[in-house]
PDB file of N, CA and C in Angstrom:
ATOM      1  N   MET A   1       0.708  -1.365  -0.066  1.00  0.00           N
ATOM      2  CA  MET A   1       0.093   0.058   0.156  1.00  0.00           C
ATOM      3  C   MET A   1       0.851   1.171   0.049  1.00  0.00           C
ATOM      4  N   ARG A   2       0.503   2.159  -0.665  1.00  0.00           N
ATOM      5  CA  ARG A   2       1.503   3.470  -0.832  1.00  0.00           C
ATOM      6  C   ARG A   2       0.955   4.272   0.254  1.00  0.00           C
ATOM      7  N   ARG A   3       2.091   4.945   0.715  1.00  0.00           N
ATOM      8  CA  ARG A   3       1.966   5.927   1.830  1.00  0.00           C
ATOM      9  C   ARG A   3       1.811   7.261   1.424  1.00  0.00           C
ATOM     10  N   LEU A   4       0.686   7.932   1.905  1.00  0.00           N
ATOM     11  CA  LEU A   4       0.496   9.368   1.536  1.00  0.00           C
ATOM     12  C   LEU A   4       1.385  10.228   2.283  1.00  0.00           C
ATOM     13  N   TYR A   5       1.796  11.391   1.697  1.00  0.00           N
ATOM     14  CA  TYR A   5       2.551  12.218   2.125  1.00  0.00           C
ATOM     15  C   TYR A   5       2.028  13.351   2.769  1.00  0.00           C
ATOM     16  N   THR A   6       2.595  13.544   4.254  1.00  0.00           N
ATOM     17  CA  THR A   6       1.948  14.659   5.006  1.00  0.00           C
ATOM     18  C   THR A   6       2.742  15.768   5.334  1.00  0.00           C
ATOM     19  N   ILE A   7       2.189  17.055   5.515  1.00  0.00           N
ATOM     20  CA  ILE A   7       3.302  17.996   5.814  1.00  0.00           C
ATOM     21  C   ILE A   7       3.480  17.811   7.267  1.00  0.00           C
ATOM     22  N   GLU A   8       4.772  17.883   7.766  1.00  0.00           N
ATOM     23  CA  GLU A   8       5.016  18.135   9.086  1.00  0.00           C
ATOM     24  C   GLU A   8       4.246  19.252   9.918  1.00  0.00           C
ATOM     25  N   ASN A   9       4.525  20.443   9.430  1.00  0.00           N
ATOM     26  CA  ASN A   9       4.249  21.716  10.218  1.00  0.00           C
ATOM     27  C   ASN A   9       3.003  22.359   9.535  1.00  0.00           C
ATOM     28  N   VAL A  10       2.067  21.740   9.144  1.00  0.00           N
ATOM     29  CA  VAL A  10       0.879  22.224   8.286  1.00  0.00           C
ATOM     30  C   VAL A  10       0.281  23.345   8.801  1.00  0.00           C
ATOM     31  N   GLU A  11       0.186  23.517  10.292  1.00  0.00           N
ATOM     32  CA  GLU A  11      -0.338  24.597  10.723  1.00  0.00           C
ATOM     33  C   GLU A  11       0.037  25.997  10.506  1.00  0.00           C
ATOM     34  N   ASP A  12       1.591  25.838  10.827  1.00  0.00           N
ATOM     35  CA  ASP A  12       2.286  26.817  10.565  1.00  0.00           C
ATOM     36  C   ASP A  12       2.600  27.347   9.262  1.00  0.00           C
ATOM     37  N   LEU A  13       2.641  26.411   8.346  1.00  0.00           N
ATOM     38  CA  LEU A  13       2.832  26.731   7.024  1.00  0.00           C
ATOM     39  C   LEU A  13       1.423  27.231   6.375  1.00  0.00           C
ATOM     40  N   ARG A  14       0.314  26.761   6.726  1.00  0.00           N
ATOM     41  CA  ARG A  14      -0.935  27.515   6.528  1.00  0.00           C
ATOM     42  C   ARG A  14      -1.200  28.914   6.840  1.00  0.00           C
ATOM     43  N   LYS A  15      -0.645  29.086   8.119  1.00  0.00           N
ATOM     44  CA  LYS A  15      -0.801  30.303   8.724  1.00  0.00           C
ATOM     45  C   LYS A  15      -0.097  31.503   8.059  1.00  0.00           C
ATOM     46  N   LYS A  16       1.103  31.096   7.628  1.00  0.00           N
ATOM     47  CA  LYS A  16       2.259  31.658   6.736  1.00  0.00           C
ATOM     48  C   LYS A  16       1.595  32.193   5.566  1.00  0.00           C
ATOM     49  N   ILE A  17       1.157  31.166   4.938  1.00  0.00           N
ATOM     50  CA  ILE A  17       0.647  31.352   3.543  1.00  0.00           C
ATOM     51  C   ILE A  17      -0.511  32.276   3.781  1.00  0.00           C
ATOM     52  N   ASN A  18      -1.404  31.973   4.386  1.00  0.00           N
ATOM     53  CA  ASN A  18      -2.661  32.573   4.300  1.00  0.00           C
ATOM     54  C   ASN A  18      -2.627  33.943   4.614  1.00  0.00           C
ATOM     55  N   ARG A  19      -1.457  34.209   5.288  1.00  0.00           N
ATOM     56  CA  ARG A  19      -1.400  35.475   6.170  1.00  0.00           C
ATOM     57  C   ARG A  19      -0.718  36.296   4.938  1.00  0.00           C
ATOM     58  N   ASP A  20       0.089  36.011   4.538  1.00  0.00           N
ATOM     59  CA  ASP A  20       1.016  36.730   3.478  1.00  0.00           C
ATOM     60  C   ASP A  20       0.534  36.700   1.960  1.00  0.00           C
ATOM     61  N   TYR A  21      -0.120  35.651   1.595  1.00  0.00           N
ATOM     62  CA  TYR A  21      -0.493  35.480   0.063  1.00  0.00           C
ATOM     63  C   TYR A  21      -1.926  35.155  -0.272  1.00  0.00           C
ATOM     64  N   LEU A  22      -2.413  35.406  -1.332  1.00  0.00           N
ATOM     65  CA  LEU A  22      -3.591  34.879  -1.903  1.00  0.00           C
ATOM     66  C   LEU A  22      -3.069  34.125  -3.008  1.00  0.00           C
ATOM     67  N   ILE A  23      -3.537  32.934  -3.285  1.00  0.00           N
ATOM     68  CA  ILE A  23      -3.317  31.724  -4.227  1.00  0.00           C
ATOM     69  C   ILE A  23      -4.243  31.658  -5.418  1.00  0.00           C
ATOM     70  N   ARG A  24      -3.863  31.846  -6.157  1.00  0.00           N
ATOM     71  CA  ARG A  24      -4.788  31.774  -7.611  1.00  0.00           C
ATOM     72  C   ARG A  24      -4.098  30.845  -8.588  1.00  0.00           C
ATOM     73  N   LEU A  25      -5.248  29.794  -8.746  1.00  0.00           N
ATOM     74  CA  LEU A  25      -5.057  28.806  -9.723  1.00  0.00           C
ATOM     75  C   LEU A  25      -5.787  29.108 -11.071  1.00  0.00           C
ATOM     76  N   THR A  26      -4.721  28.888 -12.007  1.00  0.00           N
ATOM     77  CA  THR A  26      -5.402  29.277 -13.565  1.00  0.00           C
ATOM     78  C   THR A  26      -5.102  27.830 -13.982  1.00  0.00           C
ATOM     79  N   PHE A  27      -6.417  27.518 -14.833  1.00  0.00           N
ATOM     80  CA  PHE A  27      -6.539  26.135 -15.557  1.00  0.00           C
ATOM     81  C   PHE A  27      -6.502  26.759 -17.121  1.00  0.00           C
ATOM     82  N   PRO A  28      -5.493  27.056 -17.985  1.00  0.00           N
ATOM     83  CA  PRO A  28      -5.434  27.432 -19.228  1.00  0.00           C
ATOM     84  C   PRO A  28      -6.419  26.920 -20.325  1.00  0.00           C
ATOM     85  N   GLN A  29      -6.307  25.732 -20.136  1.00  0.00           N
ATOM     86  CA  GLN A  29      -7.275  24.504 -21.017  1.00  0.00           C
ATOM     87  C   GLN A  29      -8.731  24.828 -20.964  1.00  0.00           C
ATOM     88  N   GLU A  30      -9.186  25.263 -19.746  1.00  0.00           N
ATOM     89  CA  GLU A  30     -10.532  25.669 -19.386  1.00  0.00           C
ATOM     90  C   GLU A  30     -11.012  26.887 -19.340  1.00  0.00           C
ATOM     91  N   ARG A  31      -9.770  27.842 -19.523  1.00  0.00           N
ATOM     92  CA  ARG A  31     -10.100  29.256 -19.432  1.00  0.00           C
ATOM     93  C   ARG A  31     -10.884  29.654 -17.993  1.00  0.00           C
ATOM     94  N   LYS A  32     -10.130  29.021 -16.862  1.00  0.00           N
ATOM     95  CA  LYS A  32     -10.741  29.059 -15.659  1.00  0.00           C
ATOM     96  C   LYS A  32      -9.714  29.693 -14.534  1.00  0.00           C
ATOM     97  N   ARG A  33     -10.277  30.522 -13.796  1.00  0.00           N
ATOM     98  CA  ARG A  33      -9.167  31.192 -12.750  1.00  0.00           C
ATOM     99  C   ARG A  33     -10.118  31.194 -11.368  1.00  0.00           C
ATOM    100  N   ILE A  34      -9.479  30.452 -10.430  1.00  0.00           N
ATOM    101  CA  ILE A  34      -9.897  30.446  -8.764  1.00  0.00           C
ATOM    102  C   ILE A  34      -8.994  30.929  -7.872  1.00  0.00           C
ATOM    103  N   VAL A  35      -9.379  31.763  -6.968  1.00  0.00           N
ATOM    104  CA  VAL A  35      -8.652  32.151  -6.001  1.00  0.00           C
ATOM    105  C   VAL A  35      -9.101  31.111  -4.492  1.00  0.00           C
ATOM    106  N   VAL A  36      -7.864  30.455  -3.989  1.00  0.00           N
ATOM    107  CA  VAL A  36      -8.198  29.423  -2.770  1.00  0.00           C
ATOM    108  C   VAL A  36      -7.307  29.912  -1.831  1.00  0.00           C
ATOM    109  N   GLY A  37      -7.738  29.155  -0.505  1.00  0.00           N
ATOM    110  CA  GLY A  37      -6.782  29.293   0.381  1.00  0.00           C
ATOM    111  C   GLY A  37      -5.853  28.133   0.568  1.00  0.00           C
ATOM    112  N   PHE A  38      -4.884  27.994   1.543  1.00  0.00           N
ATOM    113  CA  PHE A  38      -4.081  26.968   1.448  1.00  0.00           C
ATOM    114  C   PHE A  38      -4.452  25.551   1.828  1.00  0.00           C
ATOM    115  N   THR A  39      -5.661  25.276   2.449  1.00  0.00           N
ATOM    116  CA  THR A  39      -6.228  24.160   2.876  1.00  0.00           C
ATOM    117  C   THR A  39      -6.871  23.568   1.494  1.00  0.00           C
ATOM    118  N   LYS A  40      -7.529  24.438   0.796  1.00  0.00           N
ATOM    119  CA  LYS A  40      -8.425  24.032  -0.543  1.00  0.00           C
ATOM    120  C   LYS A  40      -6.960  23.758  -1.584  1.00  0.00           C
ATOM    121  N   PHE A  41      -6.082  24.619  -1.506  1.00  0.00           N
ATOM    122  CA  PHE A  41      -4.993  24.411  -2.346  1.00  0.00           C
ATOM    123  C   PHE A  41      -4.341  22.890  -2.323  1.00  0.00           C
ATOM    124  N   CYS A  42      -4.082  22.423  -0.781  1.00  0.00           N
ATOM    125  CA  CYS A  42      -3.762  21.224  -0.641  1.00  0.00           C
ATOM    126  C   CYS A  42      -4.672  20.213  -1.007  1.00  0.00           C
ATOM    127  N   GLU A  43      -5.923  20.348  -0.809  1.00  0.00           N
ATOM    128  CA  GLU A  43      -6.835  19.333  -1.303  1.00  0.00           C
ATOM    129  C   GLU A  43      -6.656  19.160  -2.986  1.00  0.00           C
ATOM    130  N   MET A  44      -6.450  20.166  -3.764  1.00  0.00           N
ATOM    131  CA  MET A  44      -6.677  20.249  -5.197  1.00  0.00           C
ATOM    132  C   MET A  44      -5.168  19.510  -5.634  1.00  0.00           C
ATOM    133  N   VAL A  45      -4.178  19.876  -5.268  1.00  0.00           N
ATOM    134  CA  VAL A  45      -2.816  19.372  -5.618  1.00  0.00           C
ATOM    135  C   VAL A  45      -2.005  18.479  -4.852  1.00  0.00           C
ATOM    136  N   GLY A  46      -2.571  18.177  -3.766  1.00  0.00           N
ATOM    137  CA  GLY A  46      -1.873  17.426  -2.821  1.00  0.00           C
ATOM    138  C   GLY A  46      -0.796  18.227  -2.148  1.00  0.00           C
ATOM    139  N   ASP A  47      -0.785  17.243  -0.887  1.00  0.00           N
ATOM    140  CA  ASP A  47       0.165  17.876   0.142  1.00  0.00           C
ATOM    141  C   ASP A  47       1.822  17.903  -0.465  1.00  0.00           C
ATOM    142  N   LEU A  48       2.291  17.241  -0.943  1.00  0.00           N
ATOM    143  CA  LEU A  48       3.406  17.205  -1.338  1.00  0.00           C
ATOM    144  C   LEU A  48       3.659  18.344  -2.373  1.00  0.00           C
ATOM    145  N   HIS A  49       2.949  18.500  -3.432  1.00  0.00           N
ATOM    146  CA  HIS A  49       3.224  19.844  -4.376  1.00  0.00           C
ATOM    147  C   HIS A  49       2.614  20.975  -3.588  1.00  0.00           C
ATOM    148  N   ALA A  50       1.996  20.921  -2.713  1.00  0.00           N
ATOM    149  CA  ALA A  50       1.508  22.216  -1.929  1.00  0.00           C
ATOM    150  C   ALA A  50       2.406  22.682  -1.089  1.00  0.00           C
ATOM    151  N   GLU A  51       3.137  22.093  -0.492  1.00  0.00           N
ATOM    152  CA  GLU A  51       4.272  22.362   0.413  1.00  0.00           C
ATOM    153  C   GLU A  51       5.435  22.700  -0.520  1.00  0.00           C
ATOM    154  N   HIS A  52       5.791  22.335  -1.409  1.00  0.00           N
ATOM    155  CA  HIS A  52       6.798  22.299  -2.440  1.00  0.00           C
ATOM    156  C   HIS A  52       6.658  23.994  -3.025  1.00  0.00           C
ATOM    157  N   TYR A  53       5.468  24.156  -3.316  1.00  0.00           N
ATOM    158  CA  TYR A  53       5.054  25.369  -4.234  1.00  0.00           C
ATOM    159  C   TYR A  53       5.039  26.425  -2.897  1.00  0.00           C
ATOM    160  N   ALA A  54       4.589  26.300  -1.781  1.00  0.00           N
ATOM    161  CA  ALA A  54       4.378  27.060  -0.695  1.00  0.00           C
ATOM    162  C   ALA A  54       5.847  27.587  -0.159  1.00  0.00           C
ATOM    163  N   LYS A  55       6.846  26.355  -0.067  1.00  0.00           N
ATOM    164  CA  LYS A  55       8.209  27.044   0.633  1.00  0.00           C
ATOM    165  C   LYS A  55       9.057  27.762  -0.588  1.00  0.00           C
ATOM    166  N   LYS A  56       8.568  27.373  -1.995  1.00  0.00           N
ATOM    167  CA  LYS A  56       9.533  28.201  -3.037  1.00  0.00           C
ATOM    168  C   LYS A  56       8.885  29.471  -3.161  1.00  0.00           C
ATOM    169  N   ALA A  57       7.433  29.712  -2.647  1.00  0.00           N
ATOM    170  CA  ALA A  57       6.924  31.118  -2.935  1.00  0.00           C
ATOM    171  C   ALA A  57       7.622  31.986  -1.783  1.00  0.00           C
ATOM    172  N   LEU A  58       7.606  31.293  -0.488  1.00  0.00           N
ATOM    173  CA  LEU A  58       8.157  31.870   0.896  1.00  0.00           C
ATOM    174  C   LEU A  58       9.484  32.522   0.402  1.00  0.00           C
ATOM    175  N   LYS A  59      10.491  31.631  -0.046  1.00  0.00           N
ATOM    176  CA  LYS A  59      11.745  31.951  -0.335  1.00  0.00           C
ATOM    177  C   LYS A  59      11.874  32.949  -1.531  1.00  0.00           C
ATOM    178  N   SER A  60      11.090  33.148  -2.378  1.00  0.00           N
ATOM    179  CA  SER A  60      11.008  33.760  -3.705  1.00  0.00           C
ATOM    180  C   SER A  60      11.241  35.352  -3.408  1.00  0.00           C
ATOM    181  N   LEU A  61      11.982  36.041  -4.364  1.00  0.00           N
ATOM    182  CA  LEU A  61      11.918  37.388  -4.131  1.00  0.00           C
ATOM    183  C   LEU A  61      11.164  38.239  -5.012  1.00  0.00           C
ATOM    184  N   ASN A  62      10.144  37.156  -6.088  1.00  0.00           N
ATOM    185  CA  ASN A  62       9.410  37.804  -6.752  1.00  0.00           C
ATOM    186  C   ASN A  62       8.375  38.539  -6.160  1.00  0.00           C
ATOM    187  N   HIS A  63       8.008  39.674  -6.824  1.00  0.00           N
ATOM    188  CA  HIS A  63       6.551  40.014  -6.279  1.00  0.00           C
ATOM    189  C   HIS A  63       5.303  39.276  -6.320  1.00  0.00           C
ATOM    190  N   ALA A  64       5.157  38.391  -7.139  1.00  0.00           N
ATOM    191  CA  ALA A  64       4.075  37.317  -7.001  1.00  0.00           C
ATOM    192  C   ALA A  64       4.762  36.210  -7.757  1.00  0.00           C
ATOM    193  N   PRO A  65       5.153  35.203  -7.107  1.00  0.00           N
ATOM    194  CA  PRO A  65       5.942  34.292  -7.498  1.00  0.00           C
ATOM    195  C   PRO A  65       4.775  33.122  -8.312  1.00  0.00           C
ATOM    196  N   GLN A  66       5.203  32.893  -9.492  1.00  0.00           N
ATOM    197  CA  GLN A  66       4.440  32.052 -10.242  1.00  0.00           C
ATOM    198  C   GLN A  66       5.000  30.818 -10.692  1.00  0.00           C
ATOM    199  N   PHE A  67       4.144  29.717 -10.489  1.00  0.00           N
ATOM    200  CA  PHE A  67       4.795  28.078 -10.855  1.00  0.00           C
ATOM    201  C   PHE A  67       3.988  27.512 -11.902  1.00  0.00           C
ATOM    202  N   LYS A  68       4.327  26.762 -12.798  1.00  0.00           N
ATOM    203  CA  LYS A  68       3.642  26.112 -13.871  1.00  0.00           C
ATOM    204  C   LYS A  68       3.681  24.644 -13.533  1.00  0.00           C
ATOM    205  N   GLY A  69       2.342  24.227 -13.479  1.00  0.00           N
ATOM    206  CA  GLY A  69       2.493  22.700 -13.286  1.00  0.00           C
ATOM    207  C   GLY A  69       2.608  21.835 -14.235  1.00  0.00           C
ATOM    208  N   GLN A  70       2.233  20.536 -14.491  1.00  0.00           N
ATOM    209  CA  GLN A  70       2.571  19.458 -15.393  1.00  0.00           C
ATOM    210  C   GLN A  70       1.918  19.958 -16.694  1.00  0.00           C
ATOM    211  N   ALA A  71       2.956  19.893 -17.626  1.00  0.00           N
ATOM    212  CA  ALA A  71       2.275  20.098 -19.087  1.00  0.00           C
ATOM    213  C   ALA A  71       1.269  21.318 -19.181  1.00  0.00           C
ATOM    214  N   GLY A  72       1.536  22.266 -18.691  1.00  0.00           N
ATOM    215  CA  GLY A  72       0.764  23.745 -18.597  1.00  0.00           C
ATOM    216  C   GLY A  72      -0.316  23.606 -18.419  1.00  0.00           C
ATOM    217  N   ARG A  73      -0.996  22.484 -17.571  1.00  0.00           N
ATOM    218  CA  ARG A  73      -2.345  22.210 -17.200  1.00  0.00           C
ATOM    219  C   ARG A  73      -2.735  23.263 -16.097  1.00  0.00           C
ATOM    220  N   LEU A  74      -1.784  23.719 -15.468  1.00  0.00           N
ATOM    221  CA  LEU A  74      -2.000  24.281 -14.117  1.00  0.00           C
ATOM    222  C   LEU A  74      -1.081  25.530 -13.916  1.00  0.00           C
ATOM    223  N   ILE A  75      -1.470  26.806 -13.629  1.00  0.00           N
ATOM    224  CA  ILE A  75      -0.640  27.711 -13.154  1.00  0.00           C
ATOM    225  C   ILE A  75      -0.809  28.188 -11.677  1.00  0.00           C
ATOM    226  N   VAL A  76       0.021  28.125 -10.957  1.00  0.00           N
ATOM    227  CA  VAL A  76      -0.207  28.682  -9.564  1.00  0.00           C
ATOM    228  C   VAL A  76       0.441  29.989  -9.460  1.00  0.00           C
ATOM    229  N   THR A  77      -0.194  31.002  -9.040  1.00  0.00           N
ATOM    230  CA  THR A  77       0.354  32.403  -8.899  1.00  0.00           C
ATOM    231  C   THR A  77      -0.150  32.757  -7.181  1.00  0.00           C
ATOM    232  N   PHE A  78       1.143  33.006  -6.468  1.00  0.00           N
ATOM    233  CA  PHE A  78       0.945  33.384  -5.045  1.00  0.00           C
ATOM    234  C   PHE A  78       1.027  35.080  -5.194  1.00  0.00           C
ATOM    235  N   TYR A  79       0.069  35.603  -4.868  1.00  0.00           N
ATOM    236  CA  TYR A  79      -0.075  37.235  -4.813  1.00  0.00           C
ATOM    237  C   TYR A  79      -0.054  37.677  -3.528  1.00  0.00           C
ATOM    238  N   PRO A  80       0.980  38.468  -3.150  1.00  0.00           N
ATOM    239  CA  PRO A  80       0.963  39.302  -1.769  1.00  0.00           C
ATOM    240  C   PRO A  80      -0.016  40.017  -1.304  1.00  0.00           C
ATOM    241  N   ARG A  81      -0.511  39.991  -0.037  1.00  0.00           N
ATOM    242  CA  ARG A  81      -1.628  40.551   0.498  1.00  0.00           C
ATOM    243  C   ARG A  81      -1.345  41.919   0.620  1.00  0.00           C
TER     244      ARG A  81
END
């Protein structure tokens, strides 16, 4: 049985991201954009990817860090509050 990945300090990471950023998910193929919180973001992309994107956003020096998912099906943008 495959073991699911869990974020170690999920509450601390959630507080930091929700306090500092708005997360916008863009689905180019469907021409759809939605703004979500960290918990919904984890549900949609999975804990492993959510933690990876969140830590990269916190370390980034860009104004609004943007990351592209697999094959351009998802674009994740962290907008500062």
